[in-house]
């Protein structure tokens, strides 16, 4: 069972916080932290998170990095689906997209694979959030490490990351 901690803007996320939770706190954004024991043998980080938190997979979003015409781009899609690279390229205003090298993704974001958050990255990258996020009052994304998720309103996530909403997930 996942542990929950409610955090609101102004609450101290500092000690033990991740860059994602610090960014949310500094922005004054309401969010809930969900932590769970990560199983290194889990086949899918996102499916593991959804099951551990008891949240429907359509509300848990994974953060993927792709190269769109050679530029790193963040794609945030439900764990219940997969990324449509052609749709991502179109949404980002490019022609071609391919998954980014995992080492390049880790260097650019400052996070490890399986714990990459769309929030609090080392440098701000173009971000596309799947349009299905708008169907939910709140969604969950990585808080910056395996076994830690944040739940927040999709509009807050889009605002903090400068994300474009577009249908980029395959169901």
N, C-alpha and C. Protein backbone atom coordinates (compact mmCIF):
# COMPACT_ATOMS: atom_id res chain seq x y z
N UNK A 1 0.84 -1.19 0.00
CA UNK A 1 0.00 0.00 0.00
C UNK A 1 0.88 1.24 0.00
N UNK A 2 0.48 2.23 -0.74
CA UNK A 2 1.27 3.45 -0.87
C UNK A 2 1.01 4.38 0.31
N UNK A 3 2.06 5.07 0.70
CA UNK A 3 1.93 6.09 1.73
C UNK A 3 1.59 7.39 1.03
N UNK A 4 0.81 8.24 1.67
CA UNK A 4 0.45 9.53 1.09
C UNK A 4 0.84 10.64 2.03
N UNK A 5 1.30 11.73 1.45
CA UNK A 5 1.57 12.94 2.22
C UNK A 5 1.00 14.09 1.41
N UNK A 6 0.19 14.91 2.02
CA UNK A 6 -0.37 16.07 1.33
C UNK A 6 0.60 17.23 1.45
N UNK A 7 0.90 17.85 0.35
CA UNK A 7 1.76 19.02 0.36
C UNK A 7 1.01 20.14 -0.33
N UNK A 8 1.17 21.30 0.16
CA UNK A 8 0.57 22.48 -0.47
C UNK A 8 1.67 23.50 -0.67
N UNK A 9 1.43 24.40 -1.57
CA UNK A 9 2.40 25.46 -1.80
C UNK A 9 2.81 26.09 -0.48
N UNK A 10 4.12 26.27 -0.30
CA UNK A 10 4.61 26.85 0.94
C UNK A 10 5.03 25.81 1.95
N UNK A 11 4.54 24.58 1.81
CA UNK A 11 4.95 23.52 2.72
C UNK A 11 6.38 23.13 2.40
N UNK A 12 7.13 22.76 3.40
CA UNK A 12 8.53 22.43 3.18
C UNK A 12 8.67 21.08 2.50
N UNK A 13 9.17 21.13 1.30
CA UNK A 13 9.51 19.89 0.61
C UNK A 13 11.01 19.72 0.62
N UNK A 14 11.69 20.69 1.16
CA UNK A 14 13.13 20.78 1.11
C UNK A 14 13.88 19.56 1.57
N UNK A 15 13.87 19.27 2.87
CA UNK A 15 14.66 18.17 3.40
C UNK A 15 14.14 16.86 2.84
N UNK A 16 14.96 16.21 2.04
CA UNK A 16 14.56 14.94 1.47
C UNK A 16 13.70 15.10 0.24
N UNK A 17 13.39 16.32 -0.16
CA UNK A 17 12.58 16.54 -1.34
C UNK A 17 13.40 16.32 -2.60
N UNK A 18 12.71 16.09 -3.69
CA UNK A 18 13.36 15.96 -4.99
C UNK A 18 13.24 17.30 -5.71
N UNK A 19 14.00 17.50 -6.78
CA UNK A 19 13.82 18.74 -7.54
C UNK A 19 12.37 18.95 -7.98
N UNK A 20 11.64 17.85 -8.25
CA UNK A 20 10.23 17.97 -8.66
C UNK A 20 9.37 18.50 -7.53
N UNK A 21 9.51 17.94 -6.33
CA UNK A 21 8.68 18.40 -5.21
C UNK A 21 9.09 19.80 -4.77
N UNK A 22 10.36 20.11 -4.87
CA UNK A 22 10.82 21.47 -4.55
C UNK A 22 10.21 22.46 -5.53
N UNK A 23 10.21 22.12 -6.83
CA UNK A 23 9.63 23.01 -7.84
C UNK A 23 8.14 23.23 -7.59
N UNK A 24 7.43 22.17 -7.24
CA UNK A 24 6.00 22.30 -6.95
C UNK A 24 5.76 23.18 -5.73
N UNK A 25 6.55 22.99 -4.70
CA UNK A 25 6.40 23.78 -3.48
C UNK A 25 6.71 25.25 -3.76
N UNK A 26 7.79 25.50 -4.45
CA UNK A 26 8.17 26.88 -4.76
C UNK A 26 7.12 27.58 -5.62
N UNK A 27 6.44 26.82 -6.47
CA UNK A 27 5.40 27.40 -7.32
C UNK A 27 4.08 27.59 -6.58
N UNK A 28 3.98 27.04 -5.37
CA UNK A 28 2.73 27.15 -4.61
C UNK A 28 1.64 26.25 -5.15
N UNK A 29 2.01 25.16 -5.79
CA UNK A 29 1.07 24.25 -6.41
C UNK A 29 0.64 23.17 -5.42
N UNK A 30 -0.65 22.88 -5.37
CA UNK A 30 -1.15 21.80 -4.51
C UNK A 30 -0.80 20.47 -5.15
N UNK A 31 -0.27 19.55 -4.33
CA UNK A 31 0.06 18.22 -4.82
C UNK A 31 0.08 17.24 -3.66
N UNK A 32 -0.02 15.97 -4.00
CA UNK A 32 0.05 14.90 -3.02
C UNK A 32 1.21 13.99 -3.40
N UNK A 33 2.01 13.63 -2.44
CA UNK A 33 3.12 12.70 -2.66
C UNK A 33 2.66 11.29 -2.33
N UNK A 34 2.94 10.37 -3.22
CA UNK A 34 2.66 8.95 -3.00
C UNK A 34 4.00 8.21 -3.04
N UNK A 35 4.30 7.47 -1.99
CA UNK A 35 5.52 6.66 -2.02
C UNK A 35 5.16 5.20 -1.87
N UNK A 36 5.97 4.35 -2.45
CA UNK A 36 5.76 2.91 -2.38
C UNK A 36 7.12 2.24 -2.50
N UNK A 37 7.18 1.00 -2.08
CA UNK A 37 8.43 0.24 -2.17
C UNK A 37 8.61 -0.22 -3.60
N UNK A 38 9.65 0.30 -4.26
CA UNK A 38 9.93 -0.07 -5.64
C UNK A 38 10.56 -1.45 -5.69
N UNK A 39 10.05 -2.28 -6.59
CA UNK A 39 10.60 -3.62 -6.82
C UNK A 39 11.53 -3.56 -8.03
N UNK A 40 12.84 -3.73 -7.84
CA UNK A 40 13.77 -3.66 -8.97
C UNK A 40 13.47 -4.68 -10.07
N UNK A 41 12.74 -5.73 -9.76
CA UNK A 41 12.41 -6.75 -10.76
C UNK A 41 11.13 -6.42 -11.54
N UNK A 42 10.48 -5.31 -11.22
CA UNK A 42 9.23 -4.95 -11.91
C UNK A 42 9.48 -4.76 -13.40
N UNK A 43 8.60 -5.29 -14.22
CA UNK A 43 8.75 -5.21 -15.67
C UNK A 43 8.45 -3.81 -16.20
N UNK A 44 7.58 -3.08 -15.53
CA UNK A 44 7.17 -1.74 -15.97
C UNK A 44 7.06 -0.82 -14.77
N UNK A 45 7.85 0.26 -14.78
CA UNK A 45 7.81 1.21 -13.67
C UNK A 45 6.42 1.80 -13.50
N UNK A 46 5.78 2.18 -14.61
CA UNK A 46 4.47 2.80 -14.54
C UNK A 46 3.37 1.87 -14.05
N UNK A 47 3.36 0.65 -14.56
CA UNK A 47 2.36 -0.33 -14.11
C UNK A 47 2.57 -0.65 -12.64
N UNK A 48 3.82 -0.73 -12.23
CA UNK A 48 4.13 -0.98 -10.82
C UNK A 48 3.58 0.16 -9.95
N UNK A 49 3.80 1.39 -10.39
CA UNK A 49 3.32 2.55 -9.63
C UNK A 49 1.80 2.55 -9.51
N UNK A 50 1.11 2.31 -10.61
CA UNK A 50 -0.35 2.29 -10.60
C UNK A 50 -0.88 1.23 -9.64
N UNK A 51 -0.32 0.03 -9.72
CA UNK A 51 -0.76 -1.06 -8.85
C UNK A 51 -0.45 -0.76 -7.39
N UNK A 52 0.74 -0.26 -7.11
CA UNK A 52 1.14 0.02 -5.73
C UNK A 52 0.28 1.11 -5.10
N UNK A 53 -0.13 2.09 -5.90
CA UNK A 53 -0.94 3.19 -5.38
C UNK A 53 -2.43 2.90 -5.43
N UNK A 54 -2.83 1.85 -6.15
CA UNK A 54 -4.25 1.56 -6.30
C UNK A 54 -4.95 2.59 -7.16
N UNK A 55 -4.24 3.11 -8.16
CA UNK A 55 -4.77 4.15 -9.05
C UNK A 55 -4.92 3.54 -10.44
N UNK A 56 -6.01 3.87 -11.13
CA UNK A 56 -6.20 3.33 -12.47
C UNK A 56 -5.06 3.78 -13.38
N UNK A 57 -4.51 2.86 -14.20
CA UNK A 57 -3.37 3.18 -15.04
C UNK A 57 -3.58 4.37 -15.98
N UNK A 58 -4.82 4.67 -16.34
CA UNK A 58 -5.08 5.81 -17.22
C UNK A 58 -4.79 7.14 -16.53
N UNK A 59 -4.69 7.14 -15.19
CA UNK A 59 -4.38 8.37 -14.44
C UNK A 59 -2.92 8.47 -14.04
N UNK A 60 -2.14 7.43 -14.29
CA UNK A 60 -0.72 7.45 -13.97
C UNK A 60 0.03 7.65 -15.28
N UNK A 61 0.85 8.69 -15.34
CA UNK A 61 1.53 9.06 -16.57
C UNK A 61 3.03 8.84 -16.44
N UNK A 62 3.62 8.33 -17.54
CA UNK A 62 5.06 8.11 -17.58
C UNK A 62 5.70 9.25 -18.36
N UNK A 63 6.93 9.54 -18.00
CA UNK A 63 7.70 10.60 -18.66
C UNK A 63 8.74 9.94 -19.55
N UNK A 64 8.65 10.21 -20.82
CA UNK A 64 9.57 9.65 -21.81
C UNK A 64 10.31 10.78 -22.51
N UNK A 65 11.53 10.53 -22.91
CA UNK A 65 12.27 11.51 -23.68
C UNK A 65 12.50 10.99 -25.09
N UNK A 66 12.26 11.87 -26.04
CA UNK A 66 12.45 11.55 -27.44
C UNK A 66 13.24 12.68 -28.08
N UNK A 67 13.78 12.40 -29.24
CA UNK A 67 14.41 13.44 -30.05
C UNK A 67 13.47 13.76 -31.19
N UNK A 68 13.07 15.02 -31.26
CA UNK A 68 12.23 15.47 -32.36
C UNK A 68 13.11 16.36 -33.23
N UNK A 69 13.37 15.90 -34.43
CA UNK A 69 14.29 16.59 -35.34
C UNK A 69 15.61 16.93 -34.65
N UNK A 70 16.08 16.00 -33.83
CA UNK A 70 17.38 16.15 -33.16
C UNK A 70 17.34 16.86 -31.82
N UNK A 71 16.20 17.41 -31.43
CA UNK A 71 16.10 18.14 -30.15
C UNK A 71 15.37 17.28 -29.12
N UNK A 72 15.93 17.20 -27.91
CA UNK A 72 15.26 16.44 -26.85
C UNK A 72 13.91 17.05 -26.54
N UNK A 73 12.92 16.20 -26.41
CA UNK A 73 11.55 16.61 -26.12
C UNK A 73 10.96 15.64 -25.10
N UNK A 74 10.22 16.17 -24.14
CA UNK A 74 9.59 15.37 -23.10
C UNK A 74 8.18 15.01 -23.56
N UNK A 75 7.84 13.72 -23.43
CA UNK A 75 6.49 13.25 -23.73
C UNK A 75 5.93 12.63 -22.45
N UNK A 76 4.72 13.04 -22.07
CA UNK A 76 4.09 12.53 -20.86
C UNK A 76 2.80 11.84 -21.29
N UNK A 77 2.79 10.50 -21.13
CA UNK A 77 1.67 9.69 -21.61
C UNK A 77 1.21 8.72 -20.53
N UNK A 78 -0.05 8.26 -20.60
CA UNK A 78 -0.54 7.31 -19.60
C UNK A 78 0.24 6.00 -19.66
N UNK A 79 0.44 5.37 -18.51
CA UNK A 79 1.15 4.09 -18.48
C UNK A 79 0.32 3.00 -19.14
N UNK A 80 -0.97 3.24 -19.32
CA UNK A 80 -1.85 2.26 -19.96
C UNK A 80 -1.70 2.27 -21.48
N UNK A 81 -0.90 3.18 -22.02
CA UNK A 81 -0.71 3.27 -23.46
C UNK A 81 0.75 3.34 -23.81
N UNK A 82 1.01 3.71 -25.05
CA UNK A 82 2.38 3.89 -25.50
C UNK A 82 2.48 5.19 -26.28
N UNK A 83 3.69 5.63 -26.48
CA UNK A 83 3.93 6.89 -27.18
C UNK A 83 3.84 6.69 -28.69
N UNK A 84 3.07 7.55 -29.35
CA UNK A 84 2.99 7.58 -30.81
C UNK A 84 4.01 8.62 -31.28
N UNK A 85 5.15 8.15 -31.79
CA UNK A 85 6.24 9.05 -32.16
C UNK A 85 5.86 10.02 -33.28
N UNK A 86 5.05 9.58 -34.23
CA UNK A 86 4.61 10.48 -35.32
C UNK A 86 3.74 11.60 -34.76
N UNK A 87 2.85 11.26 -33.84
CA UNK A 87 1.99 12.27 -33.23
C UNK A 87 2.81 13.24 -32.39
N UNK A 88 3.83 12.72 -31.69
CA UNK A 88 4.70 13.60 -30.90
C UNK A 88 5.44 14.57 -31.81
N UNK A 89 5.98 14.08 -32.90
CA UNK A 89 6.70 14.96 -33.83
C UNK A 89 5.78 16.07 -34.32
N UNK A 90 4.56 15.72 -34.70
CA UNK A 90 3.61 16.72 -35.18
C UNK A 90 3.27 17.73 -34.09
N UNK A 91 3.03 17.24 -32.88
CA UNK A 91 2.67 18.14 -31.77
C UNK A 91 3.81 19.08 -31.41
N UNK A 92 5.05 18.62 -31.61
CA UNK A 92 6.21 19.44 -31.29
C UNK A 92 6.66 20.30 -32.47
N UNK A 93 5.93 20.22 -33.56
CA UNK A 93 6.26 21.03 -34.72
C UNK A 93 7.42 20.49 -35.53
N UNK A 94 7.65 19.19 -35.42
CA UNK A 94 8.76 18.58 -36.15
C UNK A 94 8.28 17.57 -37.17
N UNK A 95 9.27 16.93 -37.80
CA UNK A 95 8.96 15.94 -38.83
C UNK A 95 9.21 14.52 -38.37
N UNK A 96 10.29 14.30 -37.59
CA UNK A 96 10.66 12.95 -37.18
C UNK A 96 10.92 12.91 -35.69
N UNK A 97 10.54 11.80 -35.09
CA UNK A 97 10.81 11.60 -33.67
C UNK A 97 11.33 10.18 -33.47
N UNK A 98 12.24 10.06 -32.52
CA UNK A 98 12.78 8.75 -32.13
C UNK A 98 13.04 8.82 -30.63
N UNK A 99 12.98 7.67 -29.98
CA UNK A 99 13.26 7.65 -28.55
C UNK A 99 14.69 8.11 -28.31
N UNK A 100 14.88 8.87 -27.26
CA UNK A 100 16.21 9.38 -26.91
C UNK A 100 17.04 8.29 -26.26
N UNK A 101 18.34 8.42 -26.38
CA UNK A 101 19.25 7.52 -25.70
C UNK A 101 19.04 7.69 -24.19
N UNK A 102 18.88 6.59 -23.45
CA UNK A 102 18.64 6.70 -22.00
C UNK A 102 19.69 7.53 -21.26
N UNK A 103 20.96 7.38 -21.64
CA UNK A 103 22.02 8.16 -20.97
C UNK A 103 21.84 9.65 -21.24
N UNK A 104 21.45 10.01 -22.46
CA UNK A 104 21.21 11.42 -22.79
C UNK A 104 20.01 11.95 -22.01
N UNK A 105 18.99 11.12 -21.84
CA UNK A 105 17.80 11.52 -21.08
C UNK A 105 18.18 11.78 -19.62
N UNK A 106 18.98 10.91 -19.05
CA UNK A 106 19.40 11.08 -17.66
C UNK A 106 20.26 12.33 -17.49
N UNK A 107 21.19 12.56 -18.42
CA UNK A 107 22.05 13.75 -18.34
C UNK A 107 21.23 15.04 -18.45
N UNK A 108 20.30 15.07 -19.38
CA UNK A 108 19.51 16.28 -19.62
C UNK A 108 18.56 16.61 -18.48
N UNK A 109 17.99 15.57 -17.86
CA UNK A 109 16.97 15.80 -16.84
C UNK A 109 17.53 15.82 -15.42
N UNK A 110 18.63 15.10 -15.19
CA UNK A 110 19.16 14.97 -13.84
C UNK A 110 18.50 13.85 -13.05
N UNK A 111 17.68 13.07 -13.71
CA UNK A 111 16.98 11.96 -13.07
C UNK A 111 17.43 10.64 -13.68
N UNK A 112 17.20 9.54 -12.94
CA UNK A 112 17.52 8.21 -13.48
C UNK A 112 16.29 7.62 -14.15
N UNK A 113 16.55 6.75 -15.12
CA UNK A 113 15.48 6.08 -15.84
C UNK A 113 14.56 5.38 -14.86
N UNK A 114 13.25 5.52 -15.08
CA UNK A 114 12.27 4.96 -14.15
C UNK A 114 11.90 5.95 -13.07
N UNK A 115 12.61 7.06 -13.00
CA UNK A 115 12.32 8.10 -12.02
C UNK A 115 12.36 9.48 -12.64
N UNK A 116 12.30 9.55 -13.96
CA UNK A 116 12.35 10.85 -14.64
C UNK A 116 11.01 11.55 -14.46
N UNK A 117 11.08 12.74 -13.90
CA UNK A 117 9.89 13.55 -13.70
C UNK A 117 9.84 14.64 -14.77
N UNK A 118 8.64 15.04 -15.17
CA UNK A 118 8.55 16.19 -16.09
C UNK A 118 8.83 17.51 -15.38
N UNK A 119 8.90 17.46 -14.05
CA UNK A 119 9.10 18.66 -13.22
C UNK A 119 10.52 18.70 -12.66
N UNK A 120 11.06 19.89 -12.49
CA UNK A 120 12.34 20.06 -11.82
C UNK A 120 13.53 19.51 -12.59
N UNK A 121 13.44 19.46 -13.90
CA UNK A 121 14.55 18.96 -14.69
C UNK A 121 15.70 19.96 -14.73
N UNK A 122 16.91 19.48 -15.00
CA UNK A 122 18.10 20.35 -15.05
C UNK A 122 17.91 21.51 -16.01
N UNK A 123 17.36 21.23 -17.17
CA UNK A 123 17.07 22.29 -18.12
C UNK A 123 15.68 22.07 -18.67
N UNK A 124 15.01 23.16 -18.94
CA UNK A 124 13.64 23.06 -19.43
C UNK A 124 13.65 22.59 -20.88
N UNK A 125 12.93 21.53 -21.12
CA UNK A 125 12.83 20.96 -22.46
C UNK A 125 11.40 21.12 -22.96
N UNK A 126 11.22 21.19 -24.29
CA UNK A 126 9.86 21.22 -24.82
C UNK A 126 9.10 19.99 -24.30
N UNK A 127 7.86 20.19 -23.88
CA UNK A 127 7.08 19.12 -23.25
C UNK A 127 5.72 19.00 -23.92
N UNK A 128 5.31 17.76 -24.16
CA UNK A 128 3.98 17.49 -24.71
C UNK A 128 3.29 16.52 -23.76
N UNK A 129 2.13 16.91 -23.28
CA UNK A 129 1.31 16.10 -22.37
C UNK A 129 0.15 15.53 -23.17
N UNK A 130 -0.05 14.21 -23.05
CA UNK A 130 -1.15 13.60 -23.79
C UNK A 130 -2.47 14.25 -23.40
N UNK A 131 -3.30 14.51 -24.39
CA UNK A 131 -4.58 15.20 -24.19
C UNK A 131 -5.51 14.46 -23.24
N UNK A 132 -5.33 13.16 -23.07
CA UNK A 132 -6.20 12.40 -22.17
C UNK A 132 -6.06 12.86 -20.71
N UNK A 133 -4.98 13.55 -20.39
CA UNK A 133 -4.79 14.05 -19.03
C UNK A 133 -5.93 14.97 -18.62
N UNK A 134 -6.45 15.73 -19.58
CA UNK A 134 -7.53 16.69 -19.30
C UNK A 134 -8.83 16.01 -18.89
N UNK A 135 -8.93 14.70 -19.09
CA UNK A 135 -10.14 13.96 -18.71
C UNK A 135 -10.20 13.67 -17.21
N UNK A 136 -9.13 13.96 -16.49
CA UNK A 136 -9.02 13.62 -15.07
C UNK A 136 -8.83 14.87 -14.22
N UNK A 137 -9.39 14.86 -13.02
CA UNK A 137 -9.19 15.97 -12.09
C UNK A 137 -7.73 16.04 -11.65
N UNK A 138 -7.13 14.87 -11.42
CA UNK A 138 -5.71 14.80 -11.06
C UNK A 138 -5.08 13.62 -11.79
N UNK A 139 -3.77 13.75 -12.00
CA UNK A 139 -2.98 12.67 -12.57
C UNK A 139 -1.74 12.49 -11.71
N UNK A 140 -1.08 11.36 -11.87
CA UNK A 140 0.16 11.08 -11.14
C UNK A 140 1.32 11.01 -12.12
N UNK A 141 2.43 11.63 -11.74
CA UNK A 141 3.68 11.55 -12.51
C UNK A 141 4.81 11.29 -11.53
N UNK A 142 5.94 10.87 -12.05
CA UNK A 142 7.09 10.61 -11.19
C UNK A 142 7.48 11.88 -10.44
N UNK A 143 7.85 11.68 -9.19
CA UNK A 143 8.32 12.80 -8.36
C UNK A 143 9.83 12.92 -8.41
N UNK A 144 10.47 12.10 -9.24
CA UNK A 144 11.91 12.25 -9.41
C UNK A 144 12.75 11.11 -8.89
N UNK A 145 12.11 10.06 -8.43
CA UNK A 145 12.85 8.84 -8.10
C UNK A 145 11.89 7.67 -8.12
N UNK A 146 12.46 6.50 -8.34
CA UNK A 146 11.64 5.29 -8.38
C UNK A 146 10.97 5.10 -7.03
N UNK A 147 9.67 4.80 -7.07
CA UNK A 147 8.92 4.60 -5.83
C UNK A 147 8.33 5.87 -5.26
N UNK A 148 8.37 6.97 -6.01
CA UNK A 148 7.83 8.23 -5.54
C UNK A 148 7.08 8.92 -6.67
N UNK A 149 5.80 9.22 -6.44
CA UNK A 149 4.95 9.87 -7.43
C UNK A 149 4.31 11.11 -6.83
N UNK A 150 3.97 12.07 -7.68
CA UNK A 150 3.19 13.23 -7.23
C UNK A 150 1.88 13.22 -7.98
N UNK A 151 0.83 13.58 -7.28
CA UNK A 151 -0.50 13.70 -7.86
C UNK A 151 -0.85 15.17 -7.90
N UNK A 152 -1.26 15.65 -9.07
CA UNK A 152 -1.59 17.06 -9.22
C UNK A 152 -2.57 17.24 -10.38
N UNK A 153 -3.11 18.44 -10.49
CA UNK A 153 -4.04 18.74 -11.57
C UNK A 153 -3.28 18.81 -12.89
N UNK A 154 -3.83 18.25 -13.97
CA UNK A 154 -3.15 18.30 -15.27
C UNK A 154 -2.84 19.73 -15.71
N UNK A 155 -3.73 20.67 -15.42
CA UNK A 155 -3.49 22.06 -15.80
C UNK A 155 -2.28 22.62 -15.08
N UNK A 156 -2.08 22.22 -13.82
CA UNK A 156 -0.90 22.67 -13.07
C UNK A 156 0.37 22.10 -13.69
N UNK A 157 0.34 20.82 -14.05
CA UNK A 157 1.50 20.21 -14.68
C UNK A 157 1.83 20.91 -16.00
N UNK A 158 0.81 21.15 -16.81
CA UNK A 158 1.02 21.82 -18.10
C UNK A 158 1.57 23.23 -17.89
N UNK A 159 1.03 23.94 -16.92
CA UNK A 159 1.50 25.30 -16.66
C UNK A 159 2.94 25.35 -16.19
N UNK A 160 3.31 24.45 -15.30
CA UNK A 160 4.67 24.45 -14.75
C UNK A 160 5.72 23.98 -15.75
N UNK A 161 5.34 23.15 -16.69
CA UNK A 161 6.30 22.63 -17.66
C UNK A 161 6.22 23.34 -19.01
N UNK A 162 5.20 24.17 -19.19
CA UNK A 162 4.99 24.82 -20.48
C UNK A 162 4.52 23.81 -21.52
N UNK A 163 3.87 22.74 -21.07
CA UNK A 163 3.47 21.65 -21.97
C UNK A 163 2.35 22.04 -22.92
N UNK A 164 2.44 21.45 -24.07
CA UNK A 164 1.36 21.49 -25.06
C UNK A 164 0.55 20.24 -24.85
N UNK A 165 -0.79 20.34 -24.87
CA UNK A 165 -1.64 19.16 -24.79
C UNK A 165 -1.95 18.69 -26.20
N UNK A 166 -1.72 17.41 -26.45
CA UNK A 166 -1.98 16.85 -27.78
C UNK A 166 -2.17 15.34 -27.65
N UNK A 167 -2.91 14.74 -28.56
CA UNK A 167 -3.11 13.28 -28.52
C UNK A 167 -1.86 12.57 -29.02
N UNK A 168 -0.97 12.20 -28.10
CA UNK A 168 0.30 11.56 -28.47
C UNK A 168 0.41 10.11 -28.00
N UNK A 169 -0.63 9.59 -27.36
CA UNK A 169 -0.59 8.22 -26.84
C UNK A 169 -1.42 7.30 -27.71
N UNK A 170 -0.93 6.09 -27.85
CA UNK A 170 -1.70 5.01 -28.47
C UNK A 170 -2.31 4.21 -27.34
N UNK A 171 -3.55 3.84 -27.47
CA UNK A 171 -4.22 3.08 -26.41
C UNK A 171 -4.00 1.60 -26.60
